[in-house]
């Protein structure tokens, strides 16, 4: 499978944001279903980290402007 051709900074950042958001949701879903405390805690920490990444990308998109 090949990655889509991303040409502009805007396209690149939007694709990255989609990946980060997807990863955040993935970890959240796994944490919701997990019944082992230390694993659930790790999954929730990973969810938070992915949200931090998404926030950084949103900030960069804002700096790029419309």
PDB file of N, CA and C in Angstrom:
ATOM      1  N   UNK A   1       0.850  -1.179   0.000  1.00  0.00           N
ATOM      2  CA  UNK A   1       0.000   0.000   0.000  1.00  0.00           C
ATOM      3  C   UNK A   1       0.892   1.239   0.000  1.00  0.00           C
ATOM      4  N   UNK A   2       0.614   2.164  -0.881  1.00  0.00           N
ATOM      5  CA  UNK A   2       1.416   3.375  -0.962  1.00  0.00           C
ATOM      6  C   UNK A   2       0.684   4.527  -0.291  1.00  0.00           C
ATOM      7  N   UNK A   3       1.473   5.440   0.256  1.00  0.00           N
ATOM      8  CA  UNK A   3       0.905   6.615   0.907  1.00  0.00           C
ATOM      9  C   UNK A   3       0.385   7.569  -0.164  1.00  0.00           C
ATOM     10  N   UNK A   4      -0.657   8.321   0.165  1.00  0.00           N
ATOM     11  CA  UNK A   4      -1.157   9.308  -0.793  1.00  0.00           C
ATOM     12  C   UNK A   4      -0.089  10.367  -1.055  1.00  0.00           C
ATOM     13  N   UNK A   5      -0.122  10.939  -2.247  1.00  0.00           N
ATOM     14  CA  UNK A   5       0.837  11.976  -2.595  1.00  0.00           C
ATOM     15  C   UNK A   5       0.421  13.278  -1.913  1.00  0.00           C
ATOM     16  N   UNK A   6       1.192  13.653  -0.925  1.00  0.00           N
ATOM     17  CA  UNK A   6       0.921  14.867  -0.167  1.00  0.00           C
ATOM     18  C   UNK A   6       1.923  15.916  -0.622  1.00  0.00           C
ATOM     19  N   UNK A   7       1.431  17.034  -1.109  1.00  0.00           N
ATOM     20  CA  UNK A   7       2.304  18.016  -1.739  1.00  0.00           C
ATOM     21  C   UNK A   7       2.524  19.279  -0.934  1.00  0.00           C
ATOM     22  N   UNK A   8       1.532  19.682  -0.196  1.00  0.00           N
ATOM     23  CA  UNK A   8       1.645  20.962   0.505  1.00  0.00           C
ATOM     24  C   UNK A   8       1.756  20.726   2.010  1.00  0.00           C
ATOM     25  N   UNK A   9       2.311  21.689   2.725  1.00  0.00           N
ATOM     26  CA  UNK A   9       2.353  21.553   4.185  1.00  0.00           C
ATOM     27  C   UNK A   9       0.967  21.326   4.786  1.00  0.00           C
ATOM     28  N   UNK A  10      -0.030  21.987   4.242  1.00  0.00           N
ATOM     29  CA  UNK A  10      -1.405  21.830   4.719  1.00  0.00           C
ATOM     30  C   UNK A  10      -1.864  20.380   4.552  1.00  0.00           C
ATOM     31  N   UNK A  11      -1.629  19.800   3.384  1.00  0.00           N
ATOM     32  CA  UNK A  11      -2.023  18.408   3.150  1.00  0.00           C
ATOM     33  C   UNK A  11      -1.289  17.453   4.089  1.00  0.00           C
ATOM     34  N   UNK A  12      -0.014  17.697   4.268  1.00  0.00           N
ATOM     35  CA  UNK A  12       0.795  16.850   5.142  1.00  0.00           C
ATOM     36  C   UNK A  12       0.289  16.925   6.581  1.00  0.00           C
ATOM     37  N   UNK A  13       0.059  18.139   7.073  1.00  0.00           N
ATOM     38  CA  UNK A  13      -0.408  18.299   8.450  1.00  0.00           C
ATOM     39  C   UNK A  13      -1.800  17.721   8.652  1.00  0.00           C
ATOM     40  N   UNK A  14      -2.673  17.884   7.676  1.00  0.00           N
ATOM     41  CA  UNK A  14      -4.021  17.321   7.806  1.00  0.00           C
ATOM     42  C   UNK A  14      -3.991  15.797   7.827  1.00  0.00           C
ATOM     43  N   UNK A  15      -3.123  15.199   7.020  1.00  0.00           N
ATOM     44  CA  UNK A  15      -2.976  13.740   7.041  1.00  0.00           C
ATOM     45  C   UNK A  15      -2.415  13.283   8.389  1.00  0.00           C
ATOM     46  N   UNK A  16      -1.439  14.011   8.899  1.00  0.00           N
ATOM     47  CA  UNK A  16      -0.856  13.677  10.203  1.00  0.00           C
ATOM     48  C   UNK A  16      -1.901  13.802  11.306  1.00  0.00           C
ATOM     49  N   UNK A  17      -2.712  14.849  11.241  1.00  0.00           N
ATOM     50  CA  UNK A  17      -3.765  15.049  12.244  1.00  0.00           C
ATOM     51  C   UNK A  17      -4.754  13.886  12.219  1.00  0.00           C
ATOM     52  N   UNK A  18      -5.093  13.431  11.034  1.00  0.00           N
ATOM     53  CA  UNK A  18      -6.008  12.296  10.910  1.00  0.00           C
ATOM     54  C   UNK A  18      -5.411  11.043  11.567  1.00  0.00           C
ATOM     55  N   UNK A  19      -4.122  10.811  11.354  1.00  0.00           N
ATOM     56  CA  UNK A  19      -3.454   9.646  11.953  1.00  0.00           C
ATOM     57  C   UNK A  19      -3.415   9.755  13.483  1.00  0.00           C
ATOM     58  N   UNK A  20      -3.089  10.937  13.983  1.00  0.00           N
ATOM     59  CA  UNK A  20      -3.019  11.138  15.432  1.00  0.00           C
ATOM     60  C   UNK A  20      -4.391  10.961  16.076  1.00  0.00           C
ATOM     61  N   UNK A  21      -5.411  11.497  15.450  1.00  0.00           N
ATOM     62  CA  UNK A  21      -6.773  11.379  15.960  1.00  0.00           C
ATOM     63  C   UNK A  21      -7.232   9.921  15.946  1.00  0.00           C
ATOM     64  N   UNK A  22      -6.892   9.221  14.872  1.00  0.00           N
ATOM     65  CA  UNK A  22      -7.235   7.811  14.770  1.00  0.00           C
ATOM     66  C   UNK A  22      -6.533   6.999  15.857  1.00  0.00           C
ATOM     67  N   UNK A  23      -5.262   7.283  16.084  1.00  0.00           N
ATOM     68  CA  UNK A  23      -4.506   6.579  17.123  1.00  0.00           C
ATOM     69  C   UNK A  23      -5.082   6.877  18.502  1.00  0.00           C
ATOM     70  N   UNK A  24      -5.429   8.146  18.744  1.00  0.00           N
ATOM     71  CA  UNK A  24      -6.039   8.526  20.029  1.00  0.00           C
ATOM     72  C   UNK A  24      -7.310   7.726  20.277  1.00  0.00           C
ATOM     73  N   UNK A  25      -8.164   7.660  19.265  1.00  0.00           N
ATOM     74  CA  UNK A  25      -9.424   6.936  19.396  1.00  0.00           C
ATOM     75  C   UNK A  25      -9.197   5.434  19.579  1.00  0.00           C
ATOM     76  N   UNK A  26      -8.185   4.904  18.905  1.00  0.00           N
ATOM     77  CA  UNK A  26      -7.828   3.499  19.028  1.00  0.00           C
ATOM     78  C   UNK A  26      -7.442   3.169  20.470  1.00  0.00           C
ATOM     79  N   UNK A  27      -6.550   3.968  21.047  1.00  0.00           N
ATOM     80  CA  UNK A  27      -6.130   3.734  22.429  1.00  0.00           C
ATOM     81  C   UNK A  27      -7.287   3.913  23.409  1.00  0.00           C
ATOM     82  N   UNK A  28      -8.133   4.881  23.159  1.00  0.00           N
ATOM     83  CA  UNK A  28      -9.286   5.104  24.036  1.00  0.00           C
ATOM     84  C   UNK A  28     -10.218   3.897  24.024  1.00  0.00           C
ATOM     85  N   UNK A  29     -10.468   3.353  22.854  1.00  0.00           N
ATOM     86  CA  UNK A  29     -11.352   2.186  22.739  1.00  0.00           C
ATOM     87  C   UNK A  29     -10.744   0.978  23.443  1.00  0.00           C
ATOM     88  N   UNK A  30      -9.458   0.750  23.236  1.00  0.00           N
ATOM     89  CA  UNK A  30      -8.807  -0.372  23.903  1.00  0.00           C
ATOM     90  C   UNK A  30      -8.835  -0.199  25.421  1.00  0.00           C
ATOM     91  N   UNK A  31      -8.573   1.016  25.896  1.00  0.00           N
ATOM     92  CA  UNK A  31      -8.601   1.274  27.337  1.00  0.00           C
ATOM     93  C   UNK A  31      -9.994   1.004  27.904  1.00  0.00           C
ATOM     94  N   UNK A  32     -11.000   1.391  27.153  1.00  0.00           N
ATOM     95  CA  UNK A  32     -12.381   1.183  27.598  1.00  0.00           C
ATOM     96  C   UNK A  32     -12.690  -0.306  27.779  1.00  0.00           C
ATOM     97  N   UNK A  33     -12.110  -1.138  26.922  1.00  0.00           N
ATOM     98  CA  UNK A  33     -12.386  -2.574  26.962  1.00  0.00           C
ATOM     99  C   UNK A  33     -11.430  -3.357  27.859  1.00  0.00           C
ATOM    100  N   UNK A  34     -10.356  -2.724  28.298  1.00  0.00           N
ATOM    101  CA  UNK A  34      -9.325  -3.421  29.065  1.00  0.00           C
ATOM    102  C   UNK A  34      -9.702  -3.513  30.546  1.00  0.00           C
ATOM    103  N   UNK A  35      -9.442  -4.672  31.131  1.00  0.00           N
ATOM    104  CA  UNK A  35      -9.758  -4.878  32.546  1.00  0.00           C
ATOM    105  C   UNK A  35      -8.506  -5.103  33.392  1.00  0.00           C
ATOM    106  N   UNK A  36      -7.341  -4.930  32.796  1.00  0.00           N
ATOM    107  CA  UNK A  36      -6.081  -5.074  33.526  1.00  0.00           C
ATOM    108  C   UNK A  36      -5.586  -3.659  33.823  1.00  0.00           C
ATOM    109  N   UNK A  37      -5.552  -3.307  35.088  1.00  0.00           N
ATOM    110  CA  UNK A  37      -5.301  -1.922  35.491  1.00  0.00           C
ATOM    111  C   UNK A  37      -4.044  -1.302  34.890  1.00  0.00           C
ATOM    112  N   UNK A  38      -2.904  -1.994  34.979  1.00  0.00           N
ATOM    113  CA  UNK A  38      -1.681  -1.361  34.494  1.00  0.00           C
ATOM    114  C   UNK A  38      -1.675  -1.222  32.981  1.00  0.00           C
ATOM    115  N   UNK A  39      -2.348  -2.125  32.265  1.00  0.00           N
ATOM    116  CA  UNK A  39      -2.455  -2.004  30.807  1.00  0.00           C
ATOM    117  C   UNK A  39      -3.406  -0.863  30.455  1.00  0.00           C
ATOM    118  N   UNK A  40      -4.519  -0.795  31.172  1.00  0.00           N
ATOM    119  CA  UNK A  40      -5.482   0.280  30.935  1.00  0.00           C
ATOM    120  C   UNK A  40      -4.831   1.641  31.178  1.00  0.00           C
ATOM    121  N   UNK A  41      -4.036   1.747  32.242  1.00  0.00           N
ATOM    122  CA  UNK A  41      -3.340   2.999  32.543  1.00  0.00           C
ATOM    123  C   UNK A  41      -2.384   3.382  31.408  1.00  0.00           C
ATOM    124  N   UNK A  42      -1.654   2.401  30.899  1.00  0.00           N
ATOM    125  CA  UNK A  42      -0.745   2.666  29.781  1.00  0.00           C
ATOM    126  C   UNK A  42      -1.520   3.144  28.554  1.00  0.00           C
ATOM    127  N   UNK A  43      -2.607   2.480  28.234  1.00  0.00           N
ATOM    128  CA  UNK A  43      -3.417   2.861  27.080  1.00  0.00           C
ATOM    129  C   UNK A  43      -3.973   4.276  27.230  1.00  0.00           C
ATOM    130  N   UNK A  44      -4.392   4.627  28.423  1.00  0.00           N
ATOM    131  CA  UNK A  44      -4.900   5.985  28.653  1.00  0.00           C
ATOM    132  C   UNK A  44      -3.784   7.022  28.515  1.00  0.00           C
ATOM    133  N   UNK A  45      -2.568   6.679  28.963  1.00  0.00           N
ATOM    134  CA  UNK A  45      -1.440   7.601  28.782  1.00  0.00           C
ATOM    135  C   UNK A  45      -1.112   7.777  27.307  1.00  0.00           C
ATOM    136  N   UNK A  46      -1.184   6.685  26.556  1.00  0.00           N
ATOM    137  CA  UNK A  46      -0.935   6.777  25.115  1.00  0.00           C
ATOM    138  C   UNK A  46      -2.012   7.631  24.433  1.00  0.00           C
ATOM    139  N   UNK A  47      -3.245   7.495  24.885  1.00  0.00           N
ATOM    140  CA  UNK A  47      -4.334   8.315  24.348  1.00  0.00           C
ATOM    141  C   UNK A  47      -4.034   9.797  24.571  1.00  0.00           C
ATOM    142  N   UNK A  48      -3.598  10.146  25.767  1.00  0.00           N
ATOM    143  CA  UNK A  48      -3.276  11.537  26.093  1.00  0.00           C
ATOM    144  C   UNK A  48      -2.126  12.038  25.221  1.00  0.00           C
ATOM    145  N   UNK A  49      -1.115  11.210  25.020  1.00  0.00           N
ATOM    146  CA  UNK A  49       0.026  11.613  24.186  1.00  0.00           C
ATOM    147  C   UNK A  49      -0.409  11.885  22.751  1.00  0.00           C
ATOM    148  N   UNK A  50      -1.273  11.033  22.220  1.00  0.00           N
ATOM    149  CA  UNK A  50      -1.751  11.244  20.850  1.00  0.00           C
ATOM    150  C   UNK A  50      -2.557  12.550  20.756  1.00  0.00           C
ATOM    151  N   UNK A  51      -3.310  12.872  21.793  1.00  0.00           N
ATOM    152  CA  UNK A  51      -4.058  14.133  21.786  1.00  0.00           C
ATOM    153  C   UNK A  51      -3.106  15.319  21.831  1.00  0.00           C
ATOM    154  N   UNK A  52      -2.003  15.189  22.569  1.00  0.00           N
ATOM    155  CA  UNK A  52      -1.002  16.261  22.582  1.00  0.00           C
ATOM    156  C   UNK A  52      -0.419  16.465  21.192  1.00  0.00           C
ATOM    157  N   UNK A  53      -0.138  15.361  20.513  1.00  0.00           N
ATOM    158  CA  UNK A  53       0.388  15.463  19.149  1.00  0.00           C
ATOM    159  C   UNK A  53      -0.628  16.161  18.238  1.00  0.00           C
ATOM    160  N   UNK A  54      -1.885  15.775  18.375  1.00  0.00           N
ATOM    161  CA  UNK A  54      -2.937  16.381  17.549  1.00  0.00           C
ATOM    162  C   UNK A  54      -3.034  17.883  17.827  1.00  0.00           C
ATOM    163  N   UNK A  55      -2.903  18.274  19.082  1.00  0.00           N
ATOM    164  CA  UNK A  55      -2.963  19.696  19.433  1.00  0.00           C
ATOM    165  C   UNK A  55      -1.805  20.464  18.801  1.00  0.00           C
ATOM    166  N   UNK A  56      -0.620  19.874  18.786  1.00  0.00           N
ATOM    167  CA  UNK A  56       0.528  20.525  18.148  1.00  0.00           C
ATOM    168  C   UNK A  56       0.283  20.708  16.651  1.00  0.00           C
ATOM    169  N   UNK A  57      -0.301  19.710  16.032  1.00  0.00           N
ATOM    170  CA  UNK A  57      -0.583  19.796  14.596  1.00  0.00           C
ATOM    171  C   UNK A  57      -1.653  20.850  14.333  1.00  0.00           C
ATOM    172  N   UNK A  58      -2.692  20.895  15.172  1.00  0.00           N
ATOM    173  CA  UNK A  58      -3.724  21.928  15.005  1.00  0.00           C
ATOM    174  C   UNK A  58      -3.117  23.324  15.118  1.00  0.00           C
ATOM    175  N   UNK A  59      -2.194  23.495  16.050  1.00  0.00           N
ATOM    176  CA  UNK A  59      -1.527  24.782  16.231  1.00  0.00           C
ATOM    177  C   UNK A  59      -0.726  25.143  14.969  1.00  0.00           C
ATOM    178  N   UNK A  60      -0.036  24.166  14.415  1.00  0.00           N
ATOM    179  CA  UNK A  60       0.728  24.403  13.189  1.00  0.00           C
ATOM    180  C   UNK A  60      -0.196  24.765  12.034  1.00  0.00           C
ATOM    181  N   UNK A  61      -1.335  24.095  11.943  1.00  0.00           N
ATOM    182  CA  UNK A  61      -2.305  24.420  10.891  1.00  0.00           C
ATOM    183  C   UNK A  61      -2.820  25.845  11.042  1.00  0.00           C
ATOM    184  N   UNK A  62      -3.046  26.266  12.275  1.00  0.00           N
ATOM    185  CA  UNK A  62      -3.489  27.633  12.525  1.00  0.00           C
ATOM    186  C   UNK A  62      -2.443  28.635  12.068  1.00  0.00           C
ATOM    187  N   UNK A  63      -1.195  28.316  12.332  1.00  0.00           N
ATOM    188  CA  UNK A  63      -0.104  29.205  11.914  1.00  0.00           C
ATOM    189  C   UNK A  63      -0.010  29.314  10.393  1.00  0.00           C
ATOM    190  N   UNK A  64      -0.366  28.226   9.697  1.00  0.00           N
ATOM    191  CA  UNK A  64      -0.341  28.264   8.230  1.00  0.00           C
ATOM    192  C   UNK A  64      -1.415  29.196   7.677  1.00  0.00           C
ATOM    193  N   UNK A  65      -2.499  29.312   8.414  1.00  0.00           N
ATOM    194  CA  UNK A  65      -3.582  30.193   7.978  1.00  0.00           C
ATOM    195  C   UNK A  65      -4.537  29.472   7.042  1.00  0.00           C
ATOM    196  N   UNK A  66      -5.507  30.233   6.519  1.00  0.00           N
ATOM    197  CA  UNK A  66      -6.556  29.638   5.676  1.00  0.00           C
ATOM    198  C   UNK A  66      -6.082  29.074   4.383  1.00  0.00           C
TER     199      UNK A  66
END
